[in-house]
Amino acid sequence: MMATSLQGFVLGLAMIIPIGAQNAFVLSRGIHRNHHLLTATLCCLCDLVLIGIGVFGGASLLAANPLGLALLTWGGVLFLSWFGVRSLRSAWRGQGAALADSAQLMGVRSVLAMTLGVTLLNPHVYLDTLMLLGSLGSQFAEPLRPAFAAGAMLASLVWFYGLAFGAAALSPWLARGKVQQAIDVVVGLIMIALALQLAIGALTAS
C-alpha cells in the first residue's frame, strides 16, 4: 500500500510541477498575497476530483468523446491567449498601471473565475489527471487503486499549497517592480505558448 501511494505521489508531482497555467496563476496570486490560499484550495479540489474520476474509470470517457475534447481545446486556446495578452499588457504598463486595472489584484469572484478558467479550460489538466494518472492508476489491482489515487492527490495538495505559501513568503522581493514585470512577461509567454501548442495539436489531429 505504501509503495503504491508513493508511486502515485511521485507521478502526481511529475504531472503537476512543470510550469503551466495553474502554477503560473497560483504563483501570481501568492506574490500579491491576493486570495492565494483560496486559489490553491480550488486548484487542489479540482485536481482531487479529476484524479479520482480518472483512476476509477473516467479516462475511457474522455478518450471516447473527441468532439467534447475538441471544443474544450479551442476554448482553452481562446482563454489562455486572452490571459497571456493580459499579463503582457500588465508587464508593458509596469508600475505606471493602476493596480485595479492590472492583472495583479482581484476580487474573490474574479479569482474564483480565473482559477476555474486556468484549470477547467485547460485540456492539459484533463490529459494529466484523467488520462495519464487515470490510465496508470487503473492498471493497479482494484484494492490498490485508492492508495495510488491518495498519493497523487497528496502531491497536488503539497505542491499547490507549497507554491502559494512560498510565493507569499517571498512576495516582498518578488513583488518589486522590475521582478514583477519579468514575472508578468514569463507568465504571458507561457500562456501564449500553451495556447499555440494546443492549437497546433488540435489542427494536427484534425
N, C-alpha and C. Protein backbone atom coordinates (compact mmCIF):
# COMPACT_ATOMS: atom_id res chain seq x y z
N MET A 1 0.83 -1.21 0.00
CA MET A 1 0.00 0.00 0.00
C MET A 1 0.86 1.26 0.00
N MET A 2 1.86 1.31 0.87
CA MET A 2 2.74 2.47 0.94
C MET A 2 3.49 2.67 -0.36
N ALA A 3 3.98 1.57 -0.94
CA ALA A 3 4.72 1.67 -2.21
C ALA A 3 3.81 2.20 -3.31
N THR A 4 2.56 1.77 -3.33
CA THR A 4 1.61 2.25 -4.34
C THR A 4 1.30 3.72 -4.15
N SER A 5 1.11 4.13 -2.89
CA SER A 5 0.86 5.55 -2.59
C SER A 5 2.05 6.40 -3.00
N LEU A 6 3.26 5.90 -2.75
CA LEU A 6 4.47 6.64 -3.12
C LEU A 6 4.55 6.79 -4.64
N GLN A 7 4.20 5.75 -5.37
CA GLN A 7 4.18 5.84 -6.82
C GLN A 7 3.19 6.90 -7.28
N GLY A 8 2.03 6.91 -6.67
CA GLY A 8 1.03 7.92 -7.01
C GLY A 8 1.52 9.32 -6.70
N PHE A 9 2.21 9.47 -5.56
CA PHE A 9 2.73 10.79 -5.15
C PHE A 9 3.79 11.28 -6.14
N VAL A 10 4.73 10.42 -6.48
CA VAL A 10 5.82 10.81 -7.39
C VAL A 10 5.27 11.13 -8.78
N LEU A 11 4.39 10.27 -9.28
CA LEU A 11 3.81 10.51 -10.60
C LEU A 11 2.93 11.76 -10.60
N GLY A 12 2.23 11.99 -9.49
CA GLY A 12 1.41 13.20 -9.37
C GLY A 12 2.26 14.45 -9.43
N LEU A 13 3.37 14.46 -8.70
CA LEU A 13 4.29 15.61 -8.76
C LEU A 13 4.85 15.81 -10.17
N ALA A 14 5.19 14.70 -10.82
CA ALA A 14 5.75 14.79 -12.17
C ALA A 14 4.78 15.45 -13.13
N MET A 15 3.47 15.24 -12.92
CA MET A 15 2.46 15.85 -13.78
C MET A 15 2.20 17.31 -13.42
N ILE A 16 2.31 17.64 -12.13
CA ILE A 16 1.89 18.97 -11.65
C ILE A 16 3.01 20.00 -11.71
N ILE A 17 4.25 19.60 -11.41
CA ILE A 17 5.34 20.56 -11.23
C ILE A 17 5.68 21.34 -12.50
N PRO A 18 5.72 20.73 -13.70
CA PRO A 18 6.07 21.54 -14.88
C PRO A 18 5.20 22.78 -14.98
N ILE A 19 5.85 23.94 -15.22
CA ILE A 19 5.14 25.21 -15.20
C ILE A 19 4.02 25.22 -16.24
N GLY A 20 2.86 25.62 -15.81
CA GLY A 20 1.71 25.67 -16.70
C GLY A 20 0.75 26.76 -16.23
N ALA A 21 -0.46 26.74 -16.77
CA ALA A 21 -1.40 27.80 -16.47
C ALA A 21 -1.76 27.85 -14.98
N GLN A 22 -2.04 26.69 -14.39
CA GLN A 22 -2.39 26.65 -12.97
C GLN A 22 -1.25 27.19 -12.11
N ASN A 23 -0.06 26.66 -12.31
CA ASN A 23 1.08 27.06 -11.49
C ASN A 23 1.37 28.55 -11.62
N ALA A 24 1.30 29.06 -12.84
CA ALA A 24 1.58 30.48 -13.06
C ALA A 24 0.56 31.35 -12.33
N PHE A 25 -0.70 30.93 -12.32
CA PHE A 25 -1.73 31.73 -11.67
C PHE A 25 -1.60 31.66 -10.15
N VAL A 26 -1.34 30.48 -9.61
CA VAL A 26 -1.14 30.35 -8.17
C VAL A 26 0.07 31.19 -7.73
N LEU A 27 1.13 31.14 -8.51
CA LEU A 27 2.32 31.93 -8.21
C LEU A 27 2.00 33.42 -8.20
N SER A 28 1.25 33.87 -9.19
CA SER A 28 0.89 35.27 -9.27
C SER A 28 0.06 35.72 -8.08
N ARG A 29 -0.94 34.91 -7.68
CA ARG A 29 -1.76 35.27 -6.51
C ARG A 29 -0.93 35.25 -5.23
N GLY A 30 0.01 34.32 -5.14
CA GLY A 30 0.85 34.25 -3.95
C GLY A 30 1.75 35.46 -3.81
N ILE A 31 2.33 35.90 -4.92
CA ILE A 31 3.22 37.06 -4.90
C ILE A 31 2.50 38.29 -4.36
N HIS A 32 1.23 38.45 -4.74
CA HIS A 32 0.46 39.61 -4.30
C HIS A 32 -0.35 39.34 -3.05
N ARG A 33 -0.20 38.12 -2.49
CA ARG A 33 -0.99 37.72 -1.31
C ARG A 33 -2.46 38.05 -1.54
N ASN A 34 -2.91 37.74 -2.72
CA ASN A 34 -4.25 38.09 -3.17
C ASN A 34 -5.09 36.82 -3.31
N HIS A 35 -5.72 36.41 -2.21
CA HIS A 35 -6.54 35.19 -2.17
C HIS A 35 -5.75 33.97 -2.66
N HIS A 36 -4.46 33.91 -2.27
CA HIS A 36 -3.62 32.83 -2.77
C HIS A 36 -4.01 31.47 -2.18
N LEU A 37 -4.46 31.45 -0.93
CA LEU A 37 -4.88 30.17 -0.33
C LEU A 37 -6.19 29.69 -0.95
N LEU A 38 -7.08 30.61 -1.27
CA LEU A 38 -8.31 30.25 -1.97
C LEU A 38 -7.98 29.66 -3.35
N THR A 39 -7.03 30.29 -4.04
CA THR A 39 -6.62 29.81 -5.36
C THR A 39 -6.04 28.40 -5.26
N ALA A 40 -5.13 28.20 -4.30
CA ALA A 40 -4.51 26.88 -4.12
C ALA A 40 -5.55 25.83 -3.75
N THR A 41 -6.50 26.21 -2.87
CA THR A 41 -7.54 25.26 -2.45
C THR A 41 -8.40 24.84 -3.62
N LEU A 42 -8.78 25.80 -4.46
CA LEU A 42 -9.63 25.47 -5.60
C LEU A 42 -8.90 24.59 -6.61
N CYS A 43 -7.62 24.89 -6.85
CA CYS A 43 -6.82 24.04 -7.74
C CYS A 43 -6.74 22.61 -7.20
N CYS A 44 -6.52 22.50 -5.89
CA CYS A 44 -6.44 21.16 -5.26
C CYS A 44 -7.76 20.42 -5.37
N LEU A 45 -8.86 21.10 -5.10
CA LEU A 45 -10.17 20.44 -5.16
C LEU A 45 -10.46 19.92 -6.57
N CYS A 46 -10.15 20.75 -7.58
CA CYS A 46 -10.36 20.32 -8.96
C CYS A 46 -9.49 19.10 -9.27
N ASP A 47 -8.23 19.15 -8.86
CA ASP A 47 -7.33 18.03 -9.10
C ASP A 47 -7.80 16.77 -8.39
N LEU A 48 -8.23 16.91 -7.15
CA LEU A 48 -8.69 15.75 -6.38
C LEU A 48 -9.87 15.07 -7.07
N VAL A 49 -10.82 15.87 -7.54
CA VAL A 49 -11.99 15.31 -8.22
C VAL A 49 -11.58 14.63 -9.52
N LEU A 50 -10.74 15.31 -10.32
CA LEU A 50 -10.34 14.77 -11.62
C LEU A 50 -9.48 13.51 -11.47
N ILE A 51 -8.58 13.52 -10.50
CA ILE A 51 -7.75 12.33 -10.27
C ILE A 51 -8.63 11.15 -9.86
N GLY A 52 -9.57 11.42 -8.95
CA GLY A 52 -10.47 10.35 -8.51
C GLY A 52 -11.28 9.79 -9.67
N ILE A 53 -11.82 10.67 -10.50
CA ILE A 53 -12.60 10.22 -11.66
C ILE A 53 -11.72 9.42 -12.61
N GLY A 54 -10.49 9.91 -12.84
CA GLY A 54 -9.59 9.24 -13.78
C GLY A 54 -9.19 7.86 -13.32
N VAL A 55 -8.78 7.75 -12.06
CA VAL A 55 -8.31 6.46 -11.54
C VAL A 55 -9.43 5.44 -11.49
N PHE A 56 -10.65 5.91 -11.25
CA PHE A 56 -11.77 4.97 -11.10
C PHE A 56 -12.66 4.90 -12.33
N GLY A 57 -12.04 5.13 -13.51
CA GLY A 57 -12.76 4.82 -14.75
C GLY A 57 -13.05 5.96 -15.69
N GLY A 58 -12.73 7.21 -15.33
CA GLY A 58 -13.08 8.34 -16.20
C GLY A 58 -12.22 8.50 -17.42
N ALA A 59 -11.04 7.90 -17.45
CA ALA A 59 -10.13 8.06 -18.58
C ALA A 59 -10.77 7.59 -19.88
N SER A 60 -11.50 6.49 -19.80
CA SER A 60 -12.13 5.95 -21.01
C SER A 60 -13.23 6.87 -21.52
N LEU A 61 -13.91 7.59 -20.63
CA LEU A 61 -14.97 8.50 -21.04
C LEU A 61 -14.42 9.66 -21.86
N LEU A 62 -13.28 10.21 -21.42
CA LEU A 62 -12.67 11.32 -22.14
C LEU A 62 -12.16 10.86 -23.50
N ALA A 63 -11.54 9.70 -23.53
CA ALA A 63 -11.00 9.18 -24.78
C ALA A 63 -12.10 8.90 -25.80
N ALA A 64 -13.29 8.59 -25.30
CA ALA A 64 -14.40 8.23 -26.20
C ALA A 64 -15.20 9.43 -26.68
N ASN A 65 -14.81 10.66 -26.29
CA ASN A 65 -15.57 11.84 -26.66
C ASN A 65 -14.68 12.87 -27.35
N PRO A 66 -14.27 12.62 -28.59
CA PRO A 66 -13.35 13.53 -29.29
C PRO A 66 -13.95 14.91 -29.55
N LEU A 67 -15.27 14.99 -29.78
CA LEU A 67 -15.90 16.29 -30.04
C LEU A 67 -15.81 17.17 -28.80
N GLY A 68 -16.12 16.59 -27.64
CA GLY A 68 -16.03 17.36 -26.40
C GLY A 68 -14.61 17.82 -26.12
N LEU A 69 -13.64 16.96 -26.40
CA LEU A 69 -12.25 17.32 -26.20
C LEU A 69 -11.82 18.44 -27.16
N ALA A 70 -12.34 18.40 -28.39
CA ALA A 70 -12.02 19.44 -29.37
C ALA A 70 -12.59 20.79 -28.94
N LEU A 71 -13.84 20.80 -28.48
CA LEU A 71 -14.45 22.04 -28.00
C LEU A 71 -13.70 22.59 -26.80
N LEU A 72 -13.32 21.71 -25.90
CA LEU A 72 -12.55 22.11 -24.72
C LEU A 72 -11.20 22.69 -25.13
N THR A 73 -10.56 22.08 -26.12
CA THR A 73 -9.26 22.54 -26.57
C THR A 73 -9.33 23.95 -27.13
N TRP A 74 -10.29 24.22 -28.00
CA TRP A 74 -10.38 25.55 -28.61
C TRP A 74 -10.84 26.60 -27.60
N GLY A 75 -11.67 26.19 -26.64
CA GLY A 75 -12.00 27.11 -25.55
C GLY A 75 -10.75 27.46 -24.75
N GLY A 76 -9.91 26.46 -24.51
CA GLY A 76 -8.65 26.69 -23.80
C GLY A 76 -7.72 27.59 -24.58
N VAL A 77 -7.67 27.43 -25.90
CA VAL A 77 -6.82 28.28 -26.74
C VAL A 77 -7.23 29.75 -26.58
N LEU A 78 -8.53 30.02 -26.65
CA LEU A 78 -9.01 31.40 -26.53
C LEU A 78 -8.74 31.96 -25.14
N PHE A 79 -9.02 31.16 -24.11
CA PHE A 79 -8.83 31.65 -22.74
C PHE A 79 -7.36 31.92 -22.43
N LEU A 80 -6.48 30.97 -22.77
CA LEU A 80 -5.06 31.13 -22.48
C LEU A 80 -4.45 32.28 -23.28
N SER A 81 -4.92 32.48 -24.52
CA SER A 81 -4.44 33.61 -25.32
C SER A 81 -4.82 34.93 -24.67
N TRP A 82 -6.07 35.01 -24.23
CA TRP A 82 -6.53 36.24 -23.56
C TRP A 82 -5.74 36.50 -22.28
N PHE A 83 -5.53 35.46 -21.48
CA PHE A 83 -4.80 35.63 -20.23
C PHE A 83 -3.35 36.02 -20.50
N GLY A 84 -2.73 35.43 -21.54
CA GLY A 84 -1.36 35.75 -21.88
C GLY A 84 -1.21 37.20 -22.31
N VAL A 85 -2.12 37.66 -23.16
CA VAL A 85 -2.08 39.06 -23.61
C VAL A 85 -2.29 40.00 -22.43
N ARG A 86 -3.17 39.63 -21.52
CA ARG A 86 -3.44 40.43 -20.33
C ARG A 86 -2.18 40.58 -19.47
N SER A 87 -1.45 39.49 -19.29
CA SER A 87 -0.21 39.54 -18.49
C SER A 87 0.86 40.38 -19.18
N LEU A 88 1.00 40.21 -20.50
CA LEU A 88 1.99 41.00 -21.23
C LEU A 88 1.64 42.49 -21.21
N ARG A 89 0.36 42.78 -21.26
CA ARG A 89 -0.07 44.18 -21.19
C ARG A 89 0.26 44.77 -19.83
N SER A 90 0.06 43.96 -18.77
CA SER A 90 0.41 44.41 -17.43
C SER A 90 1.91 44.68 -17.32
N ALA A 91 2.73 43.80 -17.91
CA ALA A 91 4.18 44.00 -17.89
C ALA A 91 4.58 45.25 -18.65
N TRP A 92 3.93 45.51 -19.77
CA TRP A 92 4.24 46.68 -20.59
C TRP A 92 3.92 47.97 -19.86
N ARG A 93 2.80 47.96 -19.15
CA ARG A 93 2.38 49.16 -18.43
C ARG A 93 3.22 49.38 -17.18
N GLY A 94 3.72 48.30 -16.60
CA GLY A 94 4.63 48.39 -15.45
C GLY A 94 4.00 49.07 -14.26
N GLN A 95 4.85 49.78 -13.51
CA GLN A 95 4.39 50.40 -12.27
C GLN A 95 3.46 51.57 -12.51
N GLY A 96 3.42 52.06 -13.75
CA GLY A 96 2.52 53.17 -14.06
C GLY A 96 1.08 52.74 -14.13
N ALA A 97 0.82 51.44 -14.17
CA ALA A 97 -0.55 50.95 -14.27
C ALA A 97 -1.22 50.97 -12.91
N ALA A 98 -2.48 51.34 -12.90
CA ALA A 98 -3.24 51.28 -11.65
C ALA A 98 -3.47 49.82 -11.30
N LEU A 99 -3.30 49.49 -10.03
CA LEU A 99 -3.45 48.10 -9.61
C LEU A 99 -4.83 47.56 -9.94
N ALA A 100 -5.85 48.42 -9.85
CA ALA A 100 -7.20 47.96 -10.12
C ALA A 100 -7.38 47.55 -11.57
N ASP A 101 -6.54 48.11 -12.47
CA ASP A 101 -6.67 47.81 -13.90
C ASP A 101 -5.68 46.76 -14.36
N SER A 102 -4.81 46.31 -13.47
CA SER A 102 -3.78 45.36 -13.87
C SER A 102 -4.22 43.94 -13.58
N ALA A 103 -3.35 43.00 -13.94
CA ALA A 103 -3.65 41.59 -13.68
C ALA A 103 -3.21 41.19 -12.28
N GLN A 104 -2.99 42.20 -11.37
CA GLN A 104 -2.37 41.89 -10.09
C GLN A 104 -3.39 41.62 -9.00
N LEU A 105 -4.25 42.60 -8.68
CA LEU A 105 -5.19 42.42 -7.59
C LEU A 105 -6.57 42.10 -8.13
N MET A 106 -7.21 41.10 -7.54
CA MET A 106 -8.53 40.67 -7.99
C MET A 106 -9.43 40.46 -6.79
N GLY A 107 -10.73 40.60 -7.02
CA GLY A 107 -11.71 40.27 -6.01
C GLY A 107 -11.92 38.77 -5.94
N VAL A 108 -12.69 38.33 -4.95
CA VAL A 108 -12.91 36.90 -4.76
C VAL A 108 -13.56 36.28 -5.99
N ARG A 109 -14.56 36.94 -6.56
CA ARG A 109 -15.25 36.38 -7.72
C ARG A 109 -14.31 36.24 -8.91
N SER A 110 -13.47 37.26 -9.11
CA SER A 110 -12.52 37.20 -10.23
C SER A 110 -11.51 36.08 -10.03
N VAL A 111 -11.04 35.92 -8.79
CA VAL A 111 -10.09 34.85 -8.50
C VAL A 111 -10.73 33.49 -8.73
N LEU A 112 -11.97 33.32 -8.28
CA LEU A 112 -12.68 32.05 -8.49
C LEU A 112 -12.83 31.77 -9.98
N ALA A 113 -13.26 32.79 -10.74
CA ALA A 113 -13.48 32.60 -12.17
C ALA A 113 -12.17 32.28 -12.90
N MET A 114 -11.10 33.01 -12.57
CA MET A 114 -9.83 32.80 -13.24
C MET A 114 -9.23 31.44 -12.87
N THR A 115 -9.36 31.06 -11.60
CA THR A 115 -8.81 29.76 -11.18
C THR A 115 -9.54 28.62 -11.89
N LEU A 116 -10.85 28.71 -11.96
CA LEU A 116 -11.61 27.68 -12.68
C LEU A 116 -11.27 27.71 -14.17
N GLY A 117 -11.00 28.91 -14.68
CA GLY A 117 -10.65 29.02 -16.09
C GLY A 117 -9.33 28.35 -16.42
N VAL A 118 -8.27 28.68 -15.65
CA VAL A 118 -6.95 28.08 -15.95
C VAL A 118 -6.92 26.60 -15.63
N THR A 119 -7.93 26.14 -14.87
CA THR A 119 -7.99 24.71 -14.54
C THR A 119 -8.88 23.95 -15.51
N LEU A 120 -10.13 24.35 -15.59
CA LEU A 120 -11.12 23.56 -16.34
C LEU A 120 -11.13 23.87 -17.83
N LEU A 121 -10.57 25.01 -18.25
CA LEU A 121 -10.49 25.32 -19.68
C LEU A 121 -9.13 24.96 -20.26
N ASN A 122 -8.33 24.26 -19.48
CA ASN A 122 -7.01 23.85 -19.95
C ASN A 122 -7.01 22.34 -20.19
N PRO A 123 -7.04 21.91 -21.44
CA PRO A 123 -7.09 20.46 -21.72
C PRO A 123 -5.94 19.67 -21.12
N HIS A 124 -4.78 20.34 -20.88
CA HIS A 124 -3.65 19.63 -20.28
C HIS A 124 -4.01 19.06 -18.92
N VAL A 125 -4.88 19.78 -18.18
CA VAL A 125 -5.30 19.30 -16.86
C VAL A 125 -6.00 17.96 -16.99
N TYR A 126 -6.88 17.85 -17.98
CA TYR A 126 -7.62 16.60 -18.17
C TYR A 126 -6.70 15.49 -18.66
N LEU A 127 -5.77 15.85 -19.55
CA LEU A 127 -4.85 14.83 -20.06
C LEU A 127 -3.95 14.30 -18.94
N ASP A 128 -3.51 15.21 -18.05
CA ASP A 128 -2.62 14.80 -16.96
C ASP A 128 -3.35 13.99 -15.89
N THR A 129 -4.52 14.48 -15.49
CA THR A 129 -5.23 13.84 -14.37
C THR A 129 -6.10 12.68 -14.83
N LEU A 130 -7.01 12.96 -15.76
CA LEU A 130 -7.93 11.91 -16.21
C LEU A 130 -7.23 10.84 -17.03
N MET A 131 -6.45 11.28 -18.04
CA MET A 131 -5.89 10.32 -18.98
C MET A 131 -4.65 9.63 -18.43
N LEU A 132 -3.60 10.41 -18.11
CA LEU A 132 -2.33 9.81 -17.73
C LEU A 132 -2.39 9.17 -16.34
N LEU A 133 -2.73 9.96 -15.32
CA LEU A 133 -2.82 9.39 -13.98
C LEU A 133 -3.94 8.36 -13.90
N GLY A 134 -5.05 8.64 -14.59
CA GLY A 134 -6.16 7.69 -14.60
C GLY A 134 -5.77 6.36 -15.22
N SER A 135 -5.08 6.44 -16.37
CA SER A 135 -4.67 5.21 -17.04
C SER A 135 -3.67 4.43 -16.21
N LEU A 136 -2.71 5.15 -15.60
CA LEU A 136 -1.72 4.47 -14.76
C LEU A 136 -2.37 3.86 -13.53
N GLY A 137 -3.26 4.60 -12.90
CA GLY A 137 -3.92 4.09 -11.70
C GLY A 137 -4.81 2.90 -11.96
N SER A 138 -5.45 2.90 -13.14
CA SER A 138 -6.35 1.79 -13.46
C SER A 138 -5.62 0.49 -13.73
N GLN A 139 -4.29 0.57 -13.90
CA GLN A 139 -3.50 -0.64 -14.13
C GLN A 139 -3.25 -1.42 -12.84
N PHE A 140 -3.43 -0.75 -11.70
CA PHE A 140 -3.25 -1.44 -10.42
C PHE A 140 -4.47 -2.32 -10.12
N ALA A 141 -4.25 -3.32 -9.29
CA ALA A 141 -5.37 -4.14 -8.84
C ALA A 141 -6.37 -3.26 -8.09
N GLU A 142 -7.62 -3.59 -8.17
CA GLU A 142 -8.67 -2.72 -7.62
C GLU A 142 -8.45 -2.34 -6.16
N PRO A 143 -7.99 -3.25 -5.28
CA PRO A 143 -7.78 -2.84 -3.89
C PRO A 143 -6.67 -1.80 -3.71
N LEU A 144 -5.75 -1.69 -4.69
CA LEU A 144 -4.64 -0.75 -4.58
C LEU A 144 -4.93 0.61 -5.21
N ARG A 145 -5.98 0.71 -5.97
CA ARG A 145 -6.27 1.98 -6.66
C ARG A 145 -6.51 3.14 -5.71
N PRO A 146 -7.24 2.93 -4.59
CA PRO A 146 -7.40 4.06 -3.66
C PRO A 146 -6.07 4.58 -3.12
N ALA A 147 -5.10 3.69 -2.89
CA ALA A 147 -3.79 4.11 -2.39
C ALA A 147 -3.06 4.95 -3.44
N PHE A 148 -3.13 4.52 -4.71
CA PHE A 148 -2.49 5.29 -5.78
C PHE A 148 -3.15 6.66 -5.91
N ALA A 149 -4.48 6.69 -5.90
CA ALA A 149 -5.20 7.97 -6.02
C ALA A 149 -4.86 8.88 -4.84
N ALA A 150 -4.77 8.32 -3.63
CA ALA A 150 -4.45 9.13 -2.45
C ALA A 150 -3.06 9.74 -2.57
N GLY A 151 -2.09 8.98 -3.09
CA GLY A 151 -0.74 9.50 -3.28
C GLY A 151 -0.72 10.64 -4.28
N ALA A 152 -1.43 10.46 -5.40
CA ALA A 152 -1.48 11.52 -6.43
C ALA A 152 -2.18 12.76 -5.89
N MET A 153 -3.24 12.57 -5.11
CA MET A 153 -3.96 13.71 -4.53
C MET A 153 -3.09 14.45 -3.52
N LEU A 154 -2.32 13.70 -2.73
CA LEU A 154 -1.42 14.33 -1.76
C LEU A 154 -0.38 15.19 -2.47
N ALA A 155 0.09 14.73 -3.63
CA ALA A 155 1.06 15.51 -4.40
C ALA A 155 0.48 16.85 -4.79
N SER A 156 -0.78 16.85 -5.19
CA SER A 156 -1.44 18.10 -5.56
C SER A 156 -1.54 19.05 -4.37
N LEU A 157 -1.93 18.51 -3.22
CA LEU A 157 -2.04 19.34 -2.00
C LEU A 157 -0.69 19.94 -1.61
N VAL A 158 0.35 19.10 -1.59
CA VAL A 158 1.68 19.56 -1.19
C VAL A 158 2.19 20.62 -2.15
N TRP A 159 2.01 20.39 -3.45
CA TRP A 159 2.58 21.32 -4.43
C TRP A 159 1.86 22.67 -4.44
N PHE A 160 0.54 22.67 -4.54
CA PHE A 160 -0.17 23.94 -4.68
C PHE A 160 -0.10 24.79 -3.42
N TYR A 161 -0.23 24.15 -2.25
CA TYR A 161 -0.11 24.94 -1.01
C TYR A 161 1.34 25.39 -0.80
N GLY A 162 2.31 24.54 -1.15
CA GLY A 162 3.71 24.94 -1.05
C GLY A 162 4.02 26.12 -1.95
N LEU A 163 3.48 26.08 -3.18
CA LEU A 163 3.70 27.17 -4.14
C LEU A 163 3.06 28.47 -3.64
N ALA A 164 1.83 28.37 -3.12
CA ALA A 164 1.13 29.56 -2.64
C ALA A 164 1.84 30.17 -1.42
N PHE A 165 2.19 29.32 -0.43
CA PHE A 165 2.88 29.83 0.76
C PHE A 165 4.28 30.35 0.41
N GLY A 166 4.98 29.63 -0.47
CA GLY A 166 6.32 30.06 -0.85
C GLY A 166 6.32 31.40 -1.57
N ALA A 167 5.39 31.57 -2.51
CA ALA A 167 5.30 32.84 -3.23
C ALA A 167 4.92 33.98 -2.28
N ALA A 168 4.01 33.71 -1.34
CA ALA A 168 3.62 34.74 -0.37
C ALA A 168 4.79 35.12 0.54
N ALA A 169 5.56 34.12 0.96
CA ALA A 169 6.71 34.38 1.83
C ALA A 169 7.77 35.21 1.13
N LEU A 170 7.94 34.99 -0.18
CA LEU A 170 8.95 35.72 -0.96
C LEU A 170 8.40 36.97 -1.63
N SER A 171 7.13 37.29 -1.34
CA SER A 171 6.50 38.40 -2.05
C SER A 171 7.19 39.76 -1.89
N PRO A 172 7.81 40.07 -0.72
CA PRO A 172 8.50 41.37 -0.64
C PRO A 172 9.57 41.54 -1.73
N TRP A 173 10.20 40.44 -2.12
CA TRP A 173 11.20 40.51 -3.19
C TRP A 173 10.56 40.33 -4.56
N LEU A 174 9.66 39.35 -4.67
CA LEU A 174 9.06 39.03 -5.96
C LEU A 174 8.14 40.14 -6.46
N ALA A 175 7.56 40.93 -5.54
CA ALA A 175 6.62 41.97 -5.95
C ALA A 175 7.29 43.28 -6.33
N ARG A 176 8.62 43.35 -6.32
CA ARG A 176 9.31 44.56 -6.79
C ARG A 176 8.96 44.81 -8.25
N GLY A 177 8.98 46.09 -8.62
CA GLY A 177 8.54 46.48 -9.94
C GLY A 177 9.17 45.70 -11.08
N LYS A 178 10.50 45.69 -11.13
CA LYS A 178 11.19 45.02 -12.24
C LYS A 178 10.99 43.51 -12.20
N VAL A 179 11.01 42.93 -10.99
CA VAL A 179 10.81 41.49 -10.85
C VAL A 179 9.40 41.13 -11.30
N GLN A 180 8.41 41.94 -10.87
CA GLN A 180 7.02 41.65 -11.24
C GLN A 180 6.82 41.77 -12.74
N GLN A 181 7.46 42.77 -13.34
CA GLN A 181 7.36 42.90 -14.80
C GLN A 181 7.91 41.66 -15.50
N ALA A 182 9.06 41.18 -15.01
CA ALA A 182 9.66 39.98 -15.60
C ALA A 182 8.75 38.77 -15.44
N ILE A 183 8.13 38.64 -14.24
CA ILE A 183 7.23 37.52 -14.00
C ILE A 183 6.01 37.61 -14.91
N ASP A 184 5.47 38.83 -15.06
CA ASP A 184 4.32 39.00 -15.95
C ASP A 184 4.67 38.62 -17.39
N VAL A 185 5.88 38.97 -17.82
CA VAL A 185 6.32 38.61 -19.17
C VAL A 185 6.40 37.09 -19.31
N VAL A 186 7.03 36.44 -18.32
CA VAL A 186 7.18 34.98 -18.36
C VAL A 186 5.82 34.31 -18.35
N VAL A 187 4.92 34.76 -17.46
CA VAL A 187 3.58 34.17 -17.38
C VAL A 187 2.84 34.36 -18.70
N GLY A 188 2.92 35.58 -19.25
CA GLY A 188 2.25 35.85 -20.51
C GLY A 188 2.75 34.97 -21.64
N LEU A 189 4.07 34.82 -21.73
CA LEU A 189 4.65 33.99 -22.79
C LEU A 189 4.28 32.52 -22.60
N ILE A 190 4.24 32.06 -21.34
CA ILE A 190 3.85 30.67 -21.07
C ILE A 190 2.42 30.42 -21.53
N MET A 191 1.52 31.35 -21.20
CA MET A 191 0.12 31.19 -21.58
C MET A 191 -0.05 31.16 -23.10
N ILE A 192 0.63 32.07 -23.78
CA ILE A 192 0.52 32.12 -25.25
C ILE A 192 1.16 30.88 -25.87
N ALA A 193 2.29 30.43 -25.31
CA ALA A 193 2.93 29.21 -25.82
C ALA A 193 2.02 28.00 -25.65
N LEU A 194 1.33 27.91 -24.48
CA LEU A 194 0.39 26.81 -24.26
C LEU A 194 -0.78 26.88 -25.24
N ALA A 195 -1.26 28.12 -25.50
CA ALA A 195 -2.36 28.29 -26.45
C ALA A 195 -1.94 27.83 -27.85
N LEU A 196 -0.73 28.21 -28.26
CA LEU A 196 -0.23 27.80 -29.57
C LEU A 196 -0.04 26.29 -29.64
N GLN A 197 0.48 25.72 -28.55
CA GLN A 197 0.68 24.27 -28.51
C GLN A 197 -0.65 23.53 -28.65
N LEU A 198 -1.67 24.02 -27.94
CA LEU A 198 -2.99 23.40 -28.03
C LEU A 198 -3.57 23.53 -29.45
N ALA A 199 -3.42 24.74 -30.02
CA ALA A 199 -3.97 24.98 -31.36
C ALA A 199 -3.28 24.12 -32.40
N ILE A 200 -1.96 24.04 -32.34
CA ILE A 200 -1.20 23.21 -33.30
C ILE A 200 -1.58 21.74 -33.15
N GLY A 201 -1.69 21.29 -31.89
CA GLY A 201 -2.07 19.91 -31.65
C GLY A 201 -3.46 19.59 -32.18
N ALA A 202 -4.39 20.53 -32.00
CA ALA A 202 -5.76 20.31 -32.48
C ALA A 202 -5.81 20.29 -34.01
N LEU A 203 -5.06 21.21 -34.65
CA LEU A 203 -5.05 21.26 -36.11
C LEU A 203 -4.36 20.02 -36.69
N THR A 204 -3.30 19.57 -36.04
CA THR A 204 -2.60 18.37 -36.50
C THR A 204 -3.49 17.14 -36.38
N ALA A 205 -4.22 17.06 -35.28
CA ALA A 205 -5.09 15.91 -35.05
C ALA A 205 -6.24 15.86 -36.05
N SER A 206 -6.69 17.04 -36.49
CA SER A 206 -7.79 17.07 -37.43
C SER A 206 -7.29 16.87 -38.86
